[in-house]
Amino acid sequence: MSQILIVEDEPRIAAFIAKGLRSAGFTTLVEPSGEAAVSLALTEPVDLVVLDVGLPDIDGFEVLARLRGQGSAVPVIMLTARSSVADRVTGLQSGADDYMPKPFAFEELLARIQVRLRPDSGSDQPMVLAHGDLSLDLRTRRASVAGRSVDLTAREFTLAEMFLRNPGMVLSREQLLSGAWGYDFDPGSNVVDVYVRYLRRKLGADYFETVRGMGYRLS
């Protein structure tokens, strides 16, 4: 099981990322300090670092420089509220493997993490999720029902993946909303209900059960 170090000093964002990654089958370490993050990344079995640029002590660029200076080749995905091209170029030229501006949707971050870990991912990370006749191929991002290929949008695929990773478990609208639309979401939105209807139409209504007052469940 891959372990991911989350270097983020905003507790809400750090908790959001950690919760989503644990649901996706990863283990996580959370560290708000850049200095401490360097030590963790060099001494702990970390497979990937999600690194915020704006940290309270040293910034993410310095963290990255120290890691690369110590010979660490651990994949690093940088997160930042700075969206300028110059900052993105600085991050990538400093040795970052990827760069995402805030706010972001968790589905995109997860997809980028999976891509970066793909060459080194162990056999304990399943690349095909299945439940009954329904299956999702995480490498090709394709869905199938009873062997028949079904086209899903990126958001539909992410919702379906959340259900298949938690079969029989009731997922609240808030969980589904934050997992697919990101930490900066409107909790009053009915978009989850709309997209569950899309999944029912494409993958089969019997799979997605409404649990009144609680959410939805893959049955």
N, C-alpha and C. Protein backbone atom coordinates (compact mmCIF):
# COMPACT_ATOMS: atom_id res chain seq x y z
N MET A 1 0.85 -1.20 0.00
CA MET A 1 0.00 0.00 0.00
C MET A 1 0.88 1.25 0.00
N SER A 2 0.66 2.15 -0.94
CA SER A 2 1.49 3.34 -1.05
C SER A 2 1.18 4.33 0.06
N GLN A 3 2.24 4.98 0.54
CA GLN A 3 2.09 6.00 1.58
C GLN A 3 2.39 7.38 1.00
N ILE A 4 1.52 8.33 1.28
CA ILE A 4 1.64 9.67 0.72
C ILE A 4 1.82 10.68 1.85
N LEU A 5 2.82 11.53 1.70
CA LEU A 5 3.08 12.61 2.65
C LEU A 5 2.39 13.86 2.16
N ILE A 6 1.50 14.41 2.98
CA ILE A 6 0.77 15.64 2.65
C ILE A 6 1.40 16.78 3.45
N VAL A 7 2.01 17.72 2.76
CA VAL A 7 2.66 18.85 3.42
C VAL A 7 1.76 20.07 3.17
N GLU A 8 0.94 20.38 4.16
CA GLU A 8 -0.10 21.41 4.01
C GLU A 8 -0.39 21.99 5.39
N ASP A 9 -0.33 23.33 5.51
CA ASP A 9 -0.53 23.94 6.81
C ASP A 9 -1.97 24.40 7.07
N GLU A 10 -2.84 24.28 6.08
CA GLU A 10 -4.25 24.59 6.30
C GLU A 10 -4.96 23.30 6.71
N PRO A 11 -5.39 23.19 7.98
CA PRO A 11 -5.96 21.93 8.49
C PRO A 11 -7.13 21.41 7.67
N ARG A 12 -8.00 22.31 7.19
CA ARG A 12 -9.17 21.86 6.44
C ARG A 12 -8.78 21.17 5.14
N ILE A 13 -7.83 21.77 4.43
CA ILE A 13 -7.39 21.20 3.17
C ILE A 13 -6.61 19.91 3.40
N ALA A 14 -5.75 19.91 4.41
CA ALA A 14 -4.97 18.70 4.72
C ALA A 14 -5.89 17.54 5.08
N ALA A 15 -6.91 17.81 5.89
CA ALA A 15 -7.84 16.75 6.30
C ALA A 15 -8.65 16.26 5.11
N PHE A 16 -9.03 17.18 4.24
CA PHE A 16 -9.79 16.81 3.04
C PHE A 16 -8.99 15.88 2.14
N ILE A 17 -7.73 16.23 1.89
CA ILE A 17 -6.88 15.39 1.04
C ILE A 17 -6.63 14.03 1.69
N ALA A 18 -6.31 14.05 2.97
CA ALA A 18 -6.00 12.80 3.67
C ALA A 18 -7.19 11.85 3.67
N LYS A 19 -8.37 12.39 3.94
CA LYS A 19 -9.57 11.56 3.97
C LYS A 19 -9.84 10.93 2.61
N GLY A 20 -9.71 11.73 1.56
CA GLY A 20 -9.94 11.21 0.22
C GLY A 20 -8.93 10.15 -0.18
N LEU A 21 -7.68 10.36 0.17
CA LEU A 21 -6.64 9.38 -0.19
C LEU A 21 -6.80 8.08 0.59
N ARG A 22 -7.20 8.18 1.85
CA ARG A 22 -7.44 6.95 2.62
C ARG A 22 -8.61 6.17 2.02
N SER A 23 -9.64 6.89 1.56
CA SER A 23 -10.78 6.22 0.92
C SER A 23 -10.36 5.55 -0.38
N ALA A 24 -9.31 6.09 -1.01
CA ALA A 24 -8.82 5.52 -2.27
C ALA A 24 -7.80 4.40 -2.04
N GLY A 25 -7.54 4.06 -0.77
CA GLY A 25 -6.68 2.92 -0.48
C GLY A 25 -5.25 3.26 -0.13
N PHE A 26 -4.93 4.54 0.07
CA PHE A 26 -3.58 4.93 0.43
C PHE A 26 -3.46 5.13 1.95
N THR A 27 -2.24 5.09 2.46
CA THR A 27 -1.99 5.55 3.82
C THR A 27 -1.38 6.94 3.71
N THR A 28 -1.57 7.75 4.75
CA THR A 28 -1.15 9.15 4.66
C THR A 28 -0.37 9.59 5.90
N LEU A 29 0.51 10.54 5.69
CA LEU A 29 1.17 11.30 6.75
C LEU A 29 0.87 12.77 6.47
N VAL A 30 0.53 13.52 7.49
CA VAL A 30 0.24 14.94 7.32
C VAL A 30 1.23 15.75 8.14
N GLU A 31 1.86 16.74 7.50
CA GLU A 31 2.84 17.57 8.18
C GLU A 31 2.69 19.02 7.72
N PRO A 32 2.45 19.97 8.65
CA PRO A 32 2.29 21.37 8.27
C PRO A 32 3.60 22.13 8.13
N SER A 33 4.70 21.58 8.62
CA SER A 33 5.99 22.28 8.61
C SER A 33 6.88 21.80 7.48
N GLY A 34 7.46 22.74 6.76
CA GLY A 34 8.37 22.37 5.68
C GLY A 34 9.63 21.70 6.18
N GLU A 35 10.20 22.22 7.27
CA GLU A 35 11.41 21.64 7.83
C GLU A 35 11.18 20.18 8.23
N ALA A 36 10.08 19.95 8.95
CA ALA A 36 9.78 18.58 9.39
C ALA A 36 9.45 17.68 8.21
N ALA A 37 8.83 18.25 7.18
CA ALA A 37 8.46 17.45 6.00
C ALA A 37 9.70 16.91 5.30
N VAL A 38 10.75 17.72 5.23
CA VAL A 38 11.99 17.25 4.60
C VAL A 38 12.52 16.03 5.35
N SER A 39 12.53 16.11 6.66
CA SER A 39 13.02 14.98 7.46
C SER A 39 12.16 13.75 7.26
N LEU A 40 10.83 13.93 7.27
CA LEU A 40 9.92 12.79 7.07
C LEU A 40 10.14 12.13 5.72
N ALA A 41 10.21 12.97 4.68
CA ALA A 41 10.34 12.43 3.32
C ALA A 41 11.65 11.66 3.14
N LEU A 42 12.68 12.04 3.90
CA LEU A 42 13.98 11.38 3.76
C LEU A 42 14.14 10.16 4.65
N THR A 43 13.30 10.05 5.70
CA THR A 43 13.49 8.95 6.66
C THR A 43 12.33 7.96 6.69
N GLU A 44 11.15 8.37 6.25
CA GLU A 44 10.00 7.48 6.26
C GLU A 44 9.80 6.86 4.87
N PRO A 45 9.11 5.70 4.79
CA PRO A 45 8.84 5.08 3.49
C PRO A 45 7.71 5.81 2.76
N VAL A 46 8.05 6.94 2.19
CA VAL A 46 7.07 7.79 1.50
C VAL A 46 7.16 7.52 -0.01
N ASP A 47 6.01 7.28 -0.64
CA ASP A 47 6.00 6.98 -2.07
C ASP A 47 5.70 8.20 -2.93
N LEU A 48 5.10 9.23 -2.34
CA LEU A 48 4.78 10.45 -3.08
C LEU A 48 4.53 11.57 -2.07
N VAL A 49 4.85 12.80 -2.46
CA VAL A 49 4.63 13.97 -1.61
C VAL A 49 3.66 14.92 -2.30
N VAL A 50 2.61 15.30 -1.59
CA VAL A 50 1.72 16.38 -2.03
C VAL A 50 2.17 17.60 -1.25
N LEU A 51 2.72 18.59 -1.93
CA LEU A 51 3.47 19.67 -1.29
C LEU A 51 2.85 21.03 -1.58
N ASP A 52 2.40 21.71 -0.53
CA ASP A 52 1.90 23.07 -0.67
C ASP A 52 3.08 24.02 -0.75
N VAL A 53 2.93 25.07 -1.54
CA VAL A 53 4.01 26.05 -1.67
C VAL A 53 4.07 26.96 -0.45
N GLY A 54 2.91 27.45 0.01
CA GLY A 54 2.88 28.42 1.10
C GLY A 54 2.87 27.75 2.46
N LEU A 55 4.04 27.59 3.06
CA LEU A 55 4.18 26.95 4.37
C LEU A 55 4.68 27.97 5.40
N PRO A 56 4.48 27.72 6.69
CA PRO A 56 4.79 28.74 7.70
C PRO A 56 6.28 28.97 7.94
N ASP A 57 7.14 28.01 7.60
CA ASP A 57 8.56 28.19 7.85
C ASP A 57 9.33 28.36 6.54
N ILE A 58 9.71 27.27 5.90
CA ILE A 58 10.30 27.35 4.57
C ILE A 58 9.23 27.01 3.55
N ASP A 59 9.30 27.62 2.37
CA ASP A 59 8.23 27.38 1.40
C ASP A 59 8.45 26.06 0.66
N GLY A 60 7.45 25.69 -0.13
CA GLY A 60 7.50 24.42 -0.82
C GLY A 60 8.65 24.30 -1.80
N PHE A 61 9.06 25.43 -2.42
CA PHE A 61 10.19 25.39 -3.34
C PHE A 61 11.47 25.00 -2.60
N GLU A 62 11.63 25.50 -1.38
CA GLU A 62 12.81 25.16 -0.59
C GLU A 62 12.77 23.70 -0.14
N VAL A 63 11.57 23.23 0.25
CA VAL A 63 11.42 21.82 0.60
C VAL A 63 11.84 20.94 -0.57
N LEU A 64 11.35 21.28 -1.75
CA LEU A 64 11.68 20.50 -2.93
C LEU A 64 13.17 20.55 -3.23
N ALA A 65 13.77 21.72 -3.11
CA ALA A 65 15.20 21.86 -3.38
C ALA A 65 16.02 21.00 -2.42
N ARG A 66 15.62 20.97 -1.16
CA ARG A 66 16.37 20.16 -0.18
C ARG A 66 16.22 18.67 -0.47
N LEU A 67 15.01 18.26 -0.85
CA LEU A 67 14.81 16.85 -1.16
C LEU A 67 15.66 16.43 -2.35
N ARG A 68 15.61 17.21 -3.40
CA ARG A 68 16.40 16.87 -4.58
C ARG A 68 17.90 16.99 -4.29
N GLY A 69 18.27 17.96 -3.45
CA GLY A 69 19.68 18.11 -3.08
C GLY A 69 20.21 16.93 -2.29
N GLN A 70 19.32 16.25 -1.57
CA GLN A 70 19.71 15.05 -0.81
C GLN A 70 19.61 13.78 -1.64
N GLY A 71 19.27 13.94 -2.92
CA GLY A 71 19.20 12.80 -3.81
C GLY A 71 17.88 12.07 -3.83
N SER A 72 16.85 12.64 -3.19
CA SER A 72 15.54 11.99 -3.17
C SER A 72 14.84 12.17 -4.51
N ALA A 73 14.38 11.07 -5.06
CA ALA A 73 13.64 11.10 -6.33
C ALA A 73 12.15 10.87 -6.12
N VAL A 74 11.67 10.99 -4.86
CA VAL A 74 10.25 10.75 -4.58
C VAL A 74 9.40 11.69 -5.43
N PRO A 75 8.34 11.19 -6.07
CA PRO A 75 7.47 12.07 -6.85
C PRO A 75 6.85 13.16 -5.98
N VAL A 76 6.80 14.38 -6.50
CA VAL A 76 6.26 15.52 -5.78
C VAL A 76 5.23 16.22 -6.64
N ILE A 77 4.02 16.37 -6.09
CA ILE A 77 2.98 17.16 -6.73
C ILE A 77 2.79 18.41 -5.89
N MET A 78 3.02 19.57 -6.48
CA MET A 78 2.93 20.83 -5.74
C MET A 78 1.53 21.42 -5.85
N LEU A 79 1.05 21.97 -4.73
CA LEU A 79 -0.24 22.66 -4.68
C LEU A 79 0.02 24.09 -4.26
N THR A 80 -0.68 25.03 -4.89
CA THR A 80 -0.48 26.41 -4.50
C THR A 80 -1.63 27.29 -4.95
N ALA A 81 -1.84 28.36 -4.19
CA ALA A 81 -2.80 29.38 -4.59
C ALA A 81 -2.20 30.31 -5.62
N ARG A 82 -0.89 30.21 -5.81
CA ARG A 82 -0.23 31.01 -6.84
C ARG A 82 -0.45 30.36 -8.20
N SER A 83 -1.10 31.05 -9.08
CA SER A 83 -1.47 30.42 -10.36
C SER A 83 -0.68 30.98 -11.54
N SER A 84 0.34 31.80 -11.28
CA SER A 84 1.07 32.40 -12.39
C SER A 84 1.91 31.35 -13.11
N VAL A 85 2.14 31.59 -14.39
CA VAL A 85 2.96 30.69 -15.18
C VAL A 85 4.37 30.62 -14.61
N ALA A 86 4.89 31.76 -14.13
CA ALA A 86 6.25 31.79 -13.59
C ALA A 86 6.41 30.85 -12.40
N ASP A 87 5.39 30.82 -11.52
CA ASP A 87 5.47 29.93 -10.37
C ASP A 87 5.41 28.47 -10.79
N ARG A 88 4.55 28.18 -11.76
CA ARG A 88 4.46 26.80 -12.24
C ARG A 88 5.78 26.36 -12.86
N VAL A 89 6.37 27.23 -13.64
CA VAL A 89 7.65 26.91 -14.27
C VAL A 89 8.72 26.71 -13.21
N THR A 90 8.74 27.59 -12.19
CA THR A 90 9.73 27.45 -11.11
C THR A 90 9.60 26.10 -10.42
N GLY A 91 8.36 25.70 -10.12
CA GLY A 91 8.14 24.42 -9.47
C GLY A 91 8.61 23.25 -10.31
N LEU A 92 8.27 23.27 -11.57
CA LEU A 92 8.64 22.16 -12.44
C LEU A 92 10.14 22.12 -12.69
N GLN A 93 10.75 23.29 -12.86
CA GLN A 93 12.19 23.33 -13.09
C GLN A 93 12.98 22.96 -11.84
N SER A 94 12.34 23.12 -10.67
CA SER A 94 13.00 22.76 -9.41
C SER A 94 12.95 21.26 -9.13
N GLY A 95 12.21 20.53 -9.96
CA GLY A 95 12.16 19.08 -9.80
C GLY A 95 10.82 18.53 -9.42
N ALA A 96 9.75 19.38 -9.44
CA ALA A 96 8.41 18.86 -9.17
C ALA A 96 7.96 17.99 -10.34
N ASP A 97 7.18 16.98 -10.03
CA ASP A 97 6.66 16.09 -11.08
C ASP A 97 5.35 16.61 -11.64
N ASP A 98 4.64 17.42 -10.86
CA ASP A 98 3.37 17.98 -11.32
C ASP A 98 3.05 19.20 -10.46
N TYR A 99 2.08 20.00 -10.92
CA TYR A 99 1.79 21.28 -10.28
C TYR A 99 0.31 21.56 -10.44
N MET A 100 -0.40 21.78 -9.32
CA MET A 100 -1.84 22.04 -9.38
C MET A 100 -2.17 23.31 -8.62
N PRO A 101 -2.92 24.23 -9.27
CA PRO A 101 -3.35 25.44 -8.56
C PRO A 101 -4.57 25.16 -7.69
N LYS A 102 -4.70 25.90 -6.59
CA LYS A 102 -5.89 25.85 -5.75
C LYS A 102 -6.89 26.89 -6.26
N PRO A 103 -8.20 26.63 -6.07
CA PRO A 103 -8.81 25.40 -5.56
C PRO A 103 -8.75 24.29 -6.61
N PHE A 104 -8.86 23.06 -6.17
CA PHE A 104 -8.78 21.92 -7.07
C PHE A 104 -9.85 20.91 -6.70
N ALA A 105 -10.19 20.06 -7.65
CA ALA A 105 -11.12 18.96 -7.40
C ALA A 105 -10.30 17.73 -7.00
N PHE A 106 -10.76 17.01 -6.00
CA PHE A 106 -10.00 15.85 -5.53
C PHE A 106 -9.82 14.81 -6.63
N GLU A 107 -10.84 14.66 -7.49
CA GLU A 107 -10.74 13.65 -8.56
C GLU A 107 -9.51 13.89 -9.43
N GLU A 108 -9.19 15.15 -9.69
CA GLU A 108 -8.04 15.45 -10.53
C GLU A 108 -6.74 15.16 -9.78
N LEU A 109 -6.69 15.54 -8.51
CA LEU A 109 -5.49 15.25 -7.72
C LEU A 109 -5.27 13.74 -7.64
N LEU A 110 -6.33 12.98 -7.38
CA LEU A 110 -6.20 11.53 -7.28
C LEU A 110 -5.70 10.94 -8.59
N ALA A 111 -6.24 11.41 -9.71
CA ALA A 111 -5.82 10.90 -11.01
C ALA A 111 -4.34 11.18 -11.25
N ARG A 112 -3.89 12.36 -10.86
CA ARG A 112 -2.49 12.71 -11.06
C ARG A 112 -1.57 11.88 -10.15
N ILE A 113 -2.03 11.62 -8.94
CA ILE A 113 -1.26 10.77 -8.02
C ILE A 113 -1.15 9.36 -8.59
N GLN A 114 -2.26 8.83 -9.09
CA GLN A 114 -2.24 7.48 -9.65
C GLN A 114 -1.31 7.38 -10.84
N VAL A 115 -1.28 8.43 -11.66
CA VAL A 115 -0.37 8.44 -12.81
C VAL A 115 1.08 8.42 -12.34
N ARG A 116 1.40 9.24 -11.33
CA ARG A 116 2.78 9.32 -10.86
C ARG A 116 3.23 8.04 -10.17
N LEU A 117 2.31 7.34 -9.55
CA LEU A 117 2.67 6.10 -8.85
C LEU A 117 2.60 4.87 -9.75
N ARG A 118 2.04 5.03 -10.91
CA ARG A 118 1.81 3.86 -11.77
C ARG A 118 3.06 3.05 -12.04
N PRO A 119 4.21 3.64 -12.39
CA PRO A 119 5.38 2.81 -12.67
C PRO A 119 5.88 2.04 -11.46
N ASP A 120 5.62 2.57 -10.26
CA ASP A 120 6.14 1.95 -9.05
C ASP A 120 5.06 1.32 -8.19
N SER A 121 3.81 1.40 -8.64
CA SER A 121 2.73 0.90 -7.79
C SER A 121 2.82 -0.59 -7.63
N GLY A 122 2.64 -1.08 -6.41
CA GLY A 122 2.73 -2.50 -6.12
C GLY A 122 1.47 -3.22 -6.52
N SER A 123 1.52 -4.52 -6.47
CA SER A 123 0.37 -5.32 -6.87
C SER A 123 -0.78 -5.19 -5.88
N ASP A 124 -0.50 -4.57 -4.70
CA ASP A 124 -1.58 -4.42 -3.73
C ASP A 124 -2.49 -3.27 -4.07
N GLN A 125 -2.15 -2.48 -5.10
CA GLN A 125 -3.02 -1.41 -5.55
C GLN A 125 -3.85 -1.91 -6.73
N PRO A 126 -5.11 -2.26 -6.52
CA PRO A 126 -5.92 -2.80 -7.61
C PRO A 126 -6.14 -1.77 -8.69
N MET A 127 -5.99 -2.18 -9.95
CA MET A 127 -6.22 -1.27 -11.06
C MET A 127 -7.57 -1.49 -11.70
N VAL A 128 -8.27 -2.56 -11.32
CA VAL A 128 -9.63 -2.80 -11.78
C VAL A 128 -10.51 -3.04 -10.57
N LEU A 129 -11.56 -2.25 -10.44
CA LEU A 129 -12.52 -2.42 -9.37
C LEU A 129 -13.76 -3.07 -9.95
N ALA A 130 -14.33 -4.05 -9.26
CA ALA A 130 -15.49 -4.77 -9.78
C ALA A 130 -16.51 -5.01 -8.69
N HIS A 131 -17.76 -4.99 -9.09
CA HIS A 131 -18.87 -5.29 -8.19
C HIS A 131 -19.99 -5.84 -9.05
N GLY A 132 -20.28 -7.13 -8.89
CA GLY A 132 -21.26 -7.76 -9.77
C GLY A 132 -20.79 -7.70 -11.21
N ASP A 133 -21.64 -7.23 -12.10
CA ASP A 133 -21.28 -7.10 -13.52
C ASP A 133 -20.63 -5.77 -13.83
N LEU A 134 -20.49 -4.93 -12.82
CA LEU A 134 -19.95 -3.59 -13.03
C LEU A 134 -18.45 -3.58 -12.73
N SER A 135 -17.65 -2.99 -13.62
CA SER A 135 -16.21 -2.90 -13.38
C SER A 135 -15.68 -1.56 -13.88
N LEU A 136 -14.61 -1.10 -13.21
CA LEU A 136 -13.93 0.14 -13.59
C LEU A 136 -12.44 -0.16 -13.74
N ASP A 137 -11.88 0.21 -14.87
CA ASP A 137 -10.45 0.08 -15.11
C ASP A 137 -9.81 1.43 -14.79
N LEU A 138 -9.01 1.47 -13.71
CA LEU A 138 -8.43 2.74 -13.26
C LEU A 138 -7.31 3.22 -14.16
N ARG A 139 -6.71 2.32 -14.92
CA ARG A 139 -5.65 2.74 -15.83
C ARG A 139 -6.22 3.46 -17.05
N THR A 140 -7.22 2.86 -17.65
CA THR A 140 -7.79 3.43 -18.88
C THR A 140 -8.96 4.37 -18.61
N ARG A 141 -9.41 4.40 -17.32
CA ARG A 141 -10.56 5.22 -16.93
C ARG A 141 -11.79 4.84 -17.75
N ARG A 142 -12.00 3.52 -17.92
CA ARG A 142 -13.14 3.01 -18.65
C ARG A 142 -14.02 2.19 -17.73
N ALA A 143 -15.32 2.24 -17.99
CA ALA A 143 -16.29 1.45 -17.23
C ALA A 143 -16.93 0.42 -18.14
N SER A 144 -17.37 -0.68 -17.54
CA SER A 144 -18.08 -1.69 -18.32
C SER A 144 -19.15 -2.34 -17.45
N VAL A 145 -20.22 -2.76 -18.09
CA VAL A 145 -21.31 -3.47 -17.44
C VAL A 145 -21.54 -4.75 -18.22
N ALA A 146 -21.32 -5.89 -17.56
CA ALA A 146 -21.48 -7.20 -18.20
C ALA A 146 -20.67 -7.28 -19.49
N GLY A 147 -19.46 -6.71 -19.46
CA GLY A 147 -18.58 -6.76 -20.61
C GLY A 147 -18.82 -5.69 -21.64
N ARG A 148 -19.86 -4.90 -21.45
CA ARG A 148 -20.19 -3.84 -22.41
C ARG A 148 -19.55 -2.53 -21.95
N SER A 149 -18.74 -1.90 -22.81
CA SER A 149 -18.07 -0.66 -22.46
C SER A 149 -19.07 0.49 -22.36
N VAL A 150 -18.89 1.31 -21.34
CA VAL A 150 -19.78 2.45 -21.11
C VAL A 150 -18.93 3.70 -20.96
N ASP A 151 -19.29 4.74 -21.70
CA ASP A 151 -18.57 6.00 -21.61
C ASP A 151 -19.06 6.80 -20.41
N LEU A 152 -18.11 7.21 -19.55
CA LEU A 152 -18.42 8.06 -18.40
C LEU A 152 -17.59 9.32 -18.48
N THR A 153 -18.16 10.42 -18.04
CA THR A 153 -17.37 11.64 -17.90
C THR A 153 -16.41 11.46 -16.72
N ALA A 154 -15.44 12.37 -16.61
CA ALA A 154 -14.47 12.27 -15.51
C ALA A 154 -15.17 12.31 -14.16
N ARG A 155 -16.18 13.17 -14.02
CA ARG A 155 -16.89 13.28 -12.74
C ARG A 155 -17.71 12.03 -12.46
N GLU A 156 -18.38 11.51 -13.47
CA GLU A 156 -19.15 10.28 -13.30
C GLU A 156 -18.24 9.12 -12.91
N PHE A 157 -17.07 9.05 -13.53
CA PHE A 157 -16.13 7.97 -13.22
C PHE A 157 -15.68 8.07 -11.76
N THR A 158 -15.38 9.28 -11.31
CA THR A 158 -14.93 9.46 -9.93
C THR A 158 -16.01 9.04 -8.94
N LEU A 159 -17.25 9.42 -9.20
CA LEU A 159 -18.34 9.00 -8.31
C LEU A 159 -18.49 7.48 -8.31
N ALA A 160 -18.45 6.89 -9.50
CA ALA A 160 -18.56 5.43 -9.59
C ALA A 160 -17.42 4.76 -8.84
N GLU A 161 -16.21 5.34 -8.95
CA GLU A 161 -15.06 4.77 -8.25
C GLU A 161 -15.24 4.83 -6.74
N MET A 162 -15.80 5.93 -6.24
CA MET A 162 -16.05 6.05 -4.80
C MET A 162 -17.01 4.96 -4.33
N PHE A 163 -18.04 4.70 -5.13
CA PHE A 163 -18.99 3.65 -4.77
C PHE A 163 -18.33 2.28 -4.79
N LEU A 164 -17.54 1.99 -5.83
CA LEU A 164 -16.94 0.66 -5.94
C LEU A 164 -15.84 0.42 -4.90
N ARG A 165 -15.25 1.48 -4.39
CA ARG A 165 -14.27 1.32 -3.32
C ARG A 165 -14.95 1.11 -1.97
N ASN A 166 -16.25 1.38 -1.91
CA ASN A 166 -16.98 1.27 -0.65
C ASN A 166 -18.30 0.52 -0.84
N PRO A 167 -18.28 -0.69 -1.38
CA PRO A 167 -19.53 -1.41 -1.65
C PRO A 167 -20.30 -1.70 -0.37
N GLY A 168 -21.59 -1.45 -0.42
CA GLY A 168 -22.45 -1.71 0.73
C GLY A 168 -22.42 -0.62 1.77
N MET A 169 -21.53 0.35 1.62
CA MET A 169 -21.41 1.44 2.60
C MET A 169 -22.24 2.63 2.14
N VAL A 170 -22.95 3.23 3.09
CA VAL A 170 -23.72 4.43 2.77
C VAL A 170 -22.78 5.62 2.69
N LEU A 171 -22.77 6.29 1.55
CA LEU A 171 -21.96 7.49 1.35
C LEU A 171 -22.89 8.69 1.35
N SER A 172 -22.62 9.64 2.22
CA SER A 172 -23.48 10.82 2.30
C SER A 172 -23.26 11.71 1.09
N ARG A 173 -24.23 12.58 0.84
CA ARG A 173 -24.08 13.54 -0.25
C ARG A 173 -22.84 14.41 -0.03
N GLU A 174 -22.58 14.76 1.23
CA GLU A 174 -21.42 15.60 1.53
C GLU A 174 -20.11 14.87 1.19
N GLN A 175 -20.03 13.58 1.51
CA GLN A 175 -18.84 12.80 1.17
C GLN A 175 -18.63 12.76 -0.34
N LEU A 176 -19.69 12.48 -1.07
CA LEU A 176 -19.59 12.38 -2.52
C LEU A 176 -19.27 13.73 -3.14
N LEU A 177 -19.86 14.77 -2.60
CA LEU A 177 -19.63 16.11 -3.13
C LEU A 177 -18.20 16.55 -2.92
N SER A 178 -17.68 16.34 -1.71
CA SER A 178 -16.30 16.76 -1.44
C SER A 178 -15.30 15.90 -2.18
N GLY A 179 -15.61 14.60 -2.33
CA GLY A 179 -14.69 13.71 -3.02
C GLY A 179 -14.55 13.99 -4.49
N ALA A 180 -15.62 14.42 -5.14
CA ALA A 180 -15.59 14.61 -6.59
C ALA A 180 -15.48 16.07 -7.01
N TRP A 181 -15.92 16.98 -6.16
CA TRP A 181 -15.93 18.39 -6.54
C TRP A 181 -14.91 19.22 -5.78
N GLY A 182 -14.25 18.65 -4.80
CA GLY A 182 -13.20 19.36 -4.10
C GLY A 182 -13.64 19.96 -2.78
N TYR A 183 -12.66 20.53 -2.10
CA TYR A 183 -12.91 21.07 -0.76
C TYR A 183 -13.70 22.37 -0.80
N ASP A 184 -13.69 23.06 -1.95
CA ASP A 184 -14.35 24.36 -2.06
C ASP A 184 -15.71 24.17 -2.72
N PHE A 185 -16.60 23.41 -2.04
CA PHE A 185 -17.88 23.07 -2.64
C PHE A 185 -19.03 23.73 -1.90
N ASP A 186 -20.19 23.75 -2.56
CA ASP A 186 -21.41 24.29 -1.96
C ASP A 186 -22.20 23.14 -1.36
N PRO A 187 -22.28 23.03 -0.04
CA PRO A 187 -22.97 21.90 0.59
C PRO A 187 -24.46 21.87 0.31
N GLY A 188 -25.01 22.96 -0.20
CA GLY A 188 -26.44 22.98 -0.50
C GLY A 188 -26.77 22.55 -1.92
N SER A 189 -25.75 22.21 -2.69
CA SER A 189 -25.96 21.85 -4.09
C SER A 189 -26.64 20.48 -4.21
N ASN A 190 -27.44 20.30 -5.28
CA ASN A 190 -28.07 19.00 -5.56
C ASN A 190 -27.35 18.27 -6.68
N VAL A 191 -26.09 18.69 -6.97
CA VAL A 191 -25.38 18.12 -8.10
C VAL A 191 -25.12 16.63 -7.91
N VAL A 192 -24.95 16.18 -6.67
CA VAL A 192 -24.72 14.74 -6.44
C VAL A 192 -25.92 13.94 -6.90
N ASP A 193 -27.13 14.39 -6.56
CA ASP A 193 -28.34 13.68 -6.97
C ASP A 193 -28.43 13.61 -8.49
N VAL A 194 -28.05 14.69 -9.15
CA VAL A 194 -28.09 14.73 -10.61
C VAL A 194 -27.14 13.70 -11.19
N TYR A 195 -25.92 13.63 -10.65
CA TYR A 195 -24.92 12.72 -11.20
C TYR A 195 -25.21 11.26 -10.84
N VAL A 196 -25.83 11.01 -9.71
CA VAL A 196 -26.24 9.64 -9.40
C VAL A 196 -27.30 9.19 -10.42
N ARG A 197 -28.17 10.10 -10.81
CA ARG A 197 -29.14 9.74 -11.86
C ARG A 197 -28.42 9.40 -13.16
N TYR A 198 -27.37 10.14 -13.49
CA TYR A 198 -26.59 9.82 -14.69
C TYR A 198 -26.00 8.41 -14.59
N LEU A 199 -25.46 8.07 -13.41
CA LEU A 199 -24.86 6.74 -13.23
C LEU A 199 -25.92 5.65 -13.34
N ARG A 200 -27.08 5.90 -12.77
CA ARG A 200 -28.15 4.92 -12.88
C ARG A 200 -28.55 4.69 -14.33
N ARG A 201 -28.59 5.78 -15.08
CA ARG A 201 -28.98 5.67 -16.48
C ARG A 201 -27.93 4.91 -17.29
N LYS A 202 -26.67 5.13 -17.00
CA LYS A 202 -25.60 4.54 -17.80
C LYS A 202 -25.19 3.15 -17.33
N LEU A 203 -25.19 2.94 -15.99
CA LEU A 203 -24.64 1.70 -15.44
C LEU A 203 -25.69 0.75 -14.89
N GLY A 204 -26.91 1.26 -14.66
CA GLY A 204 -27.97 0.41 -14.13
C GLY A 204 -28.55 0.95 -12.85
N ALA A 205 -29.84 1.16 -12.83
CA ALA A 205 -30.51 1.77 -11.68
C ALA A 205 -30.41 0.90 -10.44
N ASP A 206 -30.32 -0.42 -10.61
CA ASP A 206 -30.34 -1.31 -9.45
C ASP A 206 -29.07 -1.21 -8.61
N TYR A 207 -27.99 -0.70 -9.18
CA TYR A 207 -26.74 -0.64 -8.44
C TYR A 207 -26.74 0.43 -7.34
N PHE A 208 -27.42 1.54 -7.60
CA PHE A 208 -27.28 2.71 -6.74
C PHE A 208 -28.57 2.92 -5.94
N GLU A 209 -28.50 2.56 -4.69
CA GLU A 209 -29.66 2.59 -3.81
C GLU A 209 -29.70 3.89 -3.01
N THR A 210 -30.86 4.52 -2.97
CA THR A 210 -31.06 5.70 -2.14
C THR A 210 -31.37 5.27 -0.72
N VAL A 211 -30.61 5.77 0.23
CA VAL A 211 -30.87 5.52 1.65
C VAL A 211 -31.44 6.82 2.21
N ARG A 212 -32.73 6.82 2.41
CA ARG A 212 -33.44 8.06 2.72
C ARG A 212 -32.84 8.77 3.94
N GLY A 213 -32.59 10.05 3.75
CA GLY A 213 -32.06 10.87 4.82
C GLY A 213 -30.58 10.69 5.10
N MET A 214 -29.92 9.80 4.34
CA MET A 214 -28.51 9.51 4.63
C MET A 214 -27.62 9.69 3.40
N GLY A 215 -28.02 9.15 2.25
CA GLY A 215 -27.19 9.26 1.05
C GLY A 215 -27.46 8.14 0.09
N TYR A 216 -26.39 7.57 -0.46
CA TYR A 216 -26.52 6.52 -1.46
C TYR A 216 -25.59 5.36 -1.12
N ARG A 217 -25.94 4.18 -1.65
CA ARG A 217 -25.16 2.98 -1.38
C ARG A 217 -25.11 2.13 -2.64
N LEU A 218 -23.91 1.54 -2.90
CA LEU A 218 -23.79 0.56 -3.98
C LEU A 218 -24.30 -0.76 -3.46
N SER A 219 -25.41 -1.21 -4.01
CA SER A 219 -26.07 -2.40 -3.46
C SER A 219 -25.83 -3.62 -4.32
